[in-house]
Amino acid sequence: MKDFCQDKVSPYNLKPEEAALFNAAIGLADWLAARPDATPAQLDAIGRIRQFLQDLPKPPQLDLHGEFGFEIRPNDDTWDGGHLGAWEVSVCRAMFEIYYAGNDEGQEFSWILCPGCQNHNDMTYAPDWIQQVSDPMKLLQPGQRLVLQASTWNVVE
């Protein structure tokens, strides 16, 4: 497993026990990029953020603002109640985040780190996130579908 903490002058206060989380995020990027429904723009976003993850503990490029992940939605396209669950990796100059947010009984997970800040993340539910993104199709129930999410955006200063 990669030592994401090797650069002691990194702006990110990474902990050795977080390596499994970062490796799972890289694995999720690979899984999403292999999906036949991924668009060229989504593939670009996934690739850029994946490269950031591989390069940790280096900070992201100044122009990298984006996210990748997936949502679970009902098959009924007329339903506009949002999603039933979202698993995401998000990065920008101000923040790096890995999370799960849902509308079910599951425990939400949020890992957030800002450059230059202390790392106070609670890793209690990280194993759940890691297991869930290792095989996202196992999360689907009858009447549900997985929707790939991946984008980058420009920030005007």
C-alpha atoms as a PDB file:
ATOM      1  CA  MET A   1       0.000   0.000   0.000  1.00  0.00           C
ATOM      2  CA  LYS A   2       1.320   3.428  -0.931  1.00  0.00           C
ATOM      3  CA  ASP A   3       2.660   5.705   1.794  1.00  0.00           C
ATOM      4  CA  PHE A   4       0.578   8.831   1.214  1.00  0.00           C
ATOM      5  CA  CYS A   5       2.346  10.512   4.152  1.00  0.00           C
ATOM      6  CA  GLN A   6       5.872  10.394   2.730  1.00  0.00           C
ATOM      7  CA  ASP A   7       6.084  14.146   2.009  1.00  0.00           C
ATOM      8  CA  LYS A   8       6.257  15.802   5.411  1.00  0.00           C
ATOM      9  CA  VAL A   9       6.020  19.305   3.880  1.00  0.00           C
ATOM     10  CA  SER A  10       2.693  18.602   2.178  1.00  0.00           C
ATOM     11  CA  PRO A  11      -0.135  21.043   2.864  1.00  0.00           C
ATOM     12  CA  TYR A  12      -2.286  17.995   3.692  1.00  0.00           C
ATOM     13  CA  ASN A  13      -2.105  16.481   7.163  1.00  0.00           C
ATOM     14  CA  LEU A  14      -2.558  12.872   6.028  1.00  0.00           C
ATOM     15  CA  LYS A  15      -2.473   9.893   8.354  1.00  0.00           C
ATOM     16  CA  PRO A  16      -1.087   6.440   7.472  1.00  0.00           C
ATOM     17  CA  GLU A  17      -4.401   4.774   8.358  1.00  0.00           C
ATOM     18  CA  GLU A  18      -6.121   6.791   5.609  1.00  0.00           C
ATOM     19  CA  ALA A  19      -4.188   5.027   2.814  1.00  0.00           C
ATOM     20  CA  ALA A  20      -6.933   2.412   2.395  1.00  0.00           C
ATOM     21  CA  LEU A  21      -9.483   5.205   1.872  1.00  0.00           C
ATOM     22  CA  PHE A  22      -7.376   6.871  -0.831  1.00  0.00           C
ATOM     23  CA  ASN A  23      -6.697   3.540  -2.536  1.00  0.00           C
ATOM     24  CA  ALA A  24     -10.439   2.797  -2.531  1.00  0.00           C
ATOM     25  CA  ALA A  25     -11.074   6.208  -4.125  1.00  0.00           C
ATOM     26  CA  ILE A  26      -8.542   5.373  -6.850  1.00  0.00           C
ATOM     27  CA  GLY A  27     -10.268   2.014  -7.344  1.00  0.00           C
ATOM     28  CA  LEU A  28     -13.624   3.770  -7.634  1.00  0.00           C
ATOM     29  CA  ALA A  29     -12.129   6.076 -10.283  1.00  0.00           C
ATOM     30  CA  ASP A  30     -10.983   3.026 -12.256  1.00  0.00           C
ATOM     31  CA  TRP A  31     -14.402   1.376 -11.948  1.00  0.00           C
ATOM     32  CA  LEU A  32     -16.248   4.515 -13.063  1.00  0.00           C
ATOM     33  CA  ALA A  33     -13.869   5.096 -15.988  1.00  0.00           C
ATOM     34  CA  ALA A  34     -14.558   1.547 -17.233  1.00  0.00           C
ATOM     35  CA  ARG A  35     -18.321   2.117 -17.367  1.00  0.00           C
ATOM     36  CA  PRO A  36     -19.701   2.243 -20.919  1.00  0.00           C
ATOM     37  CA  ASP A  37     -21.976   5.183 -20.029  1.00  0.00           C
ATOM     38  CA  ALA A  38     -19.058   7.458 -19.061  1.00  0.00           C
ATOM     39  CA  THR A  39     -18.892  10.474 -21.372  1.00  0.00           C
ATOM     40  CA  PRO A  40     -15.613  11.970 -22.615  1.00  0.00           C
ATOM     41  CA  ALA A  41     -16.038  14.930 -20.218  1.00  0.00           C
ATOM     42  CA  GLN A  42     -16.663  12.554 -17.311  1.00  0.00           C
ATOM     43  CA  LEU A  43     -13.643  10.458 -18.250  1.00  0.00           C
ATOM     44  CA  ASP A  44     -11.506  13.601 -18.271  1.00  0.00           C
ATOM     45  CA  ALA A  45     -12.776  14.624 -14.819  1.00  0.00           C
ATOM     46  CA  ILE A  46     -12.232  11.142 -13.410  1.00  0.00           C
ATOM     47  CA  GLY A  47      -8.740  10.988 -14.887  1.00  0.00           C
ATOM     48  CA  ARG A  48      -7.681  14.377 -13.534  1.00  0.00           C
ATOM     49  CA  ILE A  49      -8.943  13.678 -10.024  1.00  0.00           C
ATOM     50  CA  ARG A  50      -7.509  10.153 -10.100  1.00  0.00           C
ATOM     51  CA  GLN A  51      -4.119  11.646 -10.929  1.00  0.00           C
ATOM     52  CA  PHE A  52      -4.443  14.009  -7.946  1.00  0.00           C
ATOM     53  CA  LEU A  53      -5.193  11.002  -5.706  1.00  0.00           C
ATOM     54  CA  GLN A  54      -2.187   9.087  -7.037  1.00  0.00           C
ATOM     55  CA  ASP A  55       0.041  12.123  -6.478  1.00  0.00           C
ATOM     56  CA  LEU A  56      -0.983  12.635  -2.847  1.00  0.00           C
ATOM     57  CA  PRO A  57       0.308  14.227  -0.692  1.00  0.00           C
ATOM     58  CA  LYS A  58       0.919  16.867  -3.381  1.00  0.00           C
ATOM     59  CA  PRO A  59      -1.832  19.495  -3.553  1.00  0.00           C
ATOM     60  CA  PRO A  60      -4.099  19.584  -6.614  1.00  0.00           C
ATOM     61  CA  GLN A  61      -3.271  21.717  -9.607  1.00  0.00           C
ATOM     62  CA  LEU A  62      -4.578  25.243  -9.076  1.00  0.00           C
ATOM     63  CA  ASP A  63      -7.158  24.809 -11.827  1.00  0.00           C
ATOM     64  CA  LEU A  64      -8.488  21.443 -10.592  1.00  0.00           C
ATOM     65  CA  HIS A  65     -11.990  21.783  -9.198  1.00  0.00           C
ATOM     66  CA  GLY A  66     -14.159  18.729  -9.596  1.00  0.00           C
ATOM     67  CA  GLU A  67     -15.694  15.556  -8.321  1.00  0.00           C
ATOM     68  CA  PHE A  68     -16.495  12.012  -9.289  1.00  0.00           C
ATOM     69  CA  GLY A  69     -18.692   9.319  -7.847  1.00  0.00           C
ATOM     70  CA  PHE A  70     -22.139   7.895  -8.264  1.00  0.00           C
ATOM     71  CA  GLU A  71     -25.694   8.249  -7.074  1.00  0.00           C
ATOM     72  CA  ILE A  72     -28.394   5.657  -6.662  1.00  0.00           C
ATOM     73  CA  ARG A  73     -31.748   6.785  -7.992  1.00  0.00           C
ATOM     74  CA  PRO A  74     -35.116   5.133  -8.495  1.00  0.00           C
ATOM     75  CA  ASN A  75     -35.796   3.817 -12.002  1.00  0.00           C
ATOM     76  CA  ASP A  76     -38.880   6.031 -12.161  1.00  0.00           C
ATOM     77  CA  ASP A  77     -37.665   9.115 -14.063  1.00  0.00           C
ATOM     78  CA  THR A  78     -40.697  11.132 -12.955  1.00  0.00           C
ATOM     79  CA  TRP A  79     -39.516  11.051  -9.331  1.00  0.00           C
ATOM     80  CA  ASP A  80     -37.620  14.246  -8.528  1.00  0.00           C
ATOM     81  CA  GLY A  81     -36.762  13.609  -4.890  1.00  0.00           C
ATOM     82  CA  GLY A  82     -32.997  13.668  -5.402  1.00  0.00           C
ATOM     83  CA  HIS A  83     -30.991  10.533  -4.820  1.00  0.00           C
ATOM     84  CA  LEU A  84     -31.156   7.550  -2.513  1.00  0.00           C
ATOM     85  CA  GLY A  85     -27.440   7.713  -1.858  1.00  0.00           C
ATOM     86  CA  ALA A  86     -24.333   9.458  -3.184  1.00  0.00           C
ATOM     87  CA  TRP A  87     -20.698   8.337  -2.933  1.00  0.00           C
ATOM     88  CA  GLU A  88     -18.313  11.093  -3.994  1.00  0.00           C
ATOM     89  CA  VAL A  89     -14.699  12.252  -4.127  1.00  0.00           C
ATOM     90  CA  SER A  90     -14.343  16.017  -4.465  1.00  0.00           C
ATOM     91  CA  VAL A  91     -11.310  18.254  -4.730  1.00  0.00           C
ATOM     92  CA  CYS A  92     -10.519  21.937  -5.137  1.00  0.00           C
ATOM     93  CA  ARG A  93      -7.879  24.340  -3.861  1.00  0.00           C
ATOM     94  CA  ALA A  94      -9.812  24.892  -0.622  1.00  0.00           C
ATOM     95  CA  MET A  95     -10.888  21.353   0.245  1.00  0.00           C
ATOM     96  CA  PHE A  96     -10.463  17.632  -0.396  1.00  0.00           C
ATOM     97  CA  GLU A  97     -13.489  15.508   0.517  1.00  0.00           C
ATOM     98  CA  ILE A  98     -14.587  11.876   0.392  1.00  0.00           C
ATOM     99  CA  TYR A  99     -18.133  11.154   1.501  1.00  0.00           C
ATOM    100  CA  TYR A 100     -21.347   9.193   1.457  1.00  0.00           C
ATOM    101  CA  ALA A 101     -24.685  10.898   1.912  1.00  0.00           C
ATOM    102  CA  GLY A 102     -27.927   8.979   1.801  1.00  0.00           C
ATOM    103  CA  ASN A 103     -31.628   9.051   2.420  1.00  0.00           C
ATOM    104  CA  ASP A 104     -31.726   5.650   4.066  1.00  0.00           C
ATOM    105  CA  GLU A 105     -30.834   4.104   7.390  1.00  0.00           C
ATOM    106  CA  GLY A 106     -27.124   3.896   6.568  1.00  0.00           C
ATOM    107  CA  GLN A 107     -24.493   5.843   8.443  1.00  0.00           C
ATOM    108  CA  GLU A 108     -23.267   8.876   6.540  1.00  0.00           C
ATOM    109  CA  PHE A 109     -19.513   9.282   6.138  1.00  0.00           C
ATOM    110  CA  SER A 110     -17.565  12.466   5.557  1.00  0.00           C
ATOM    111  CA  TRP A 111     -13.809  12.851   5.361  1.00  0.00           C
ATOM    112  CA  ILE A 112     -12.771  16.477   4.760  1.00  0.00           C
ATOM    113  CA  LEU A 113      -9.371  18.087   4.777  1.00  0.00           C
ATOM    114  CA  CYS A 114      -8.354  21.614   3.910  1.00  0.00           C
ATOM    115  CA  PRO A 115      -4.736  22.425   3.021  1.00  0.00           C
ATOM    116  CA  GLY A 116      -2.819  23.644   6.056  1.00  0.00           C
ATOM    117  CA  CYS A 117      -5.437  22.422   8.549  1.00  0.00           C
ATOM    118  CA  GLN A 118      -5.206  19.717  11.178  1.00  0.00           C
ATOM    119  CA  ASN A 119      -6.742  16.373  10.283  1.00  0.00           C
ATOM    120  CA  HIS A 120      -9.539  15.618  12.760  1.00  0.00           C
ATOM    121  CA  ASN A 121     -11.403  13.141  10.565  1.00  0.00           C
ATOM    122  CA  ASP A 122     -13.216  10.279  12.244  1.00  0.00           C
ATOM    123  CA  MET A 123     -12.402   7.077  10.360  1.00  0.00           C
ATOM    124  CA  THR A 124     -15.042   4.966  12.155  1.00  0.00           C
ATOM    125  CA  TYR A 125     -17.215   4.577   9.040  1.00  0.00           C
ATOM    126  CA  ALA A 126     -14.411   4.643   6.458  1.00  0.00           C
ATOM    127  CA  PRO A 127     -14.398   0.810   6.198  1.00  0.00           C
ATOM    128  CA  ASP A 128     -18.086   0.962   5.211  1.00  0.00           C
ATOM    129  CA  TRP A 129     -17.343   3.505   2.441  1.00  0.00           C
ATOM    130  CA  ILE A 130     -14.398   1.416   1.237  1.00  0.00           C
ATOM    131  CA  GLN A 131     -16.526  -1.735   1.106  1.00  0.00           C
ATOM    132  CA  GLN A 132     -19.437   0.025  -0.621  1.00  0.00           C
ATOM    133  CA  VAL A 133     -17.318   1.508  -3.429  1.00  0.00           C
ATOM    134  CA  SER A 134     -15.465  -1.776  -3.956  1.00  0.00           C
ATOM    135  CA  ASP A 135     -18.584  -3.156  -5.698  1.00  0.00           C
ATOM    136  CA  PRO A 136     -21.176  -0.394  -6.200  1.00  0.00           C
ATOM    137  CA  MET A 137     -23.608  -2.643  -8.069  1.00  0.00           C
ATOM    138  CA  LYS A 138     -24.211  -4.610  -4.854  1.00  0.00           C
ATOM    139  CA  LEU A 139     -25.817  -1.467  -3.411  1.00  0.00           C
ATOM    140  CA  LEU A 140     -28.676  -1.499  -5.918  1.00  0.00           C
ATOM    141  CA  GLN A 141     -32.100  -2.740  -4.898  1.00  0.00           C
ATOM    142  CA  PRO A 142     -34.896  -3.669  -7.329  1.00  0.00           C
ATOM    143  CA  GLY A 143     -36.265  -0.539  -8.974  1.00  0.00           C
ATOM    144  CA  GLN A 144     -33.003   1.403  -8.619  1.00  0.00           C
ATOM    145  CA  ARG A 145     -30.246   2.464 -10.982  1.00  0.00           C
ATOM    146  CA  LEU A 146     -26.729   3.782 -10.620  1.00  0.00           C
ATOM    147  CA  VAL A 147     -25.948   7.195 -12.129  1.00  0.00           C
ATOM    148  CA  LEU A 148     -22.333   8.152 -12.743  1.00  0.00           C
ATOM    149  CA  GLN A 149     -21.376  11.654 -11.583  1.00  0.00           C
ATOM    150  CA  ALA A 150     -18.125  13.273 -12.721  1.00  0.00           C
ATOM    151  CA  SER A 151     -17.322  16.843 -13.639  1.00  0.00           C
ATOM    152  CA  THR A 152     -14.787  19.607 -13.372  1.00  0.00           C
ATOM    153  CA  TRP A 153     -15.460  23.300 -13.409  1.00  0.00           C
ATOM    154  CA  ASN A 154     -13.663  26.614 -13.705  1.00  0.00           C
ATOM    155  CA  VAL A 155     -13.457  29.080 -10.884  1.00  0.00           C
ATOM    156  CA  VAL A 156     -13.392  32.720 -11.901  1.00  0.00           C
ATOM    157  CA  GLU A 157     -11.261  34.902  -9.659  1.00  0.00           C
END
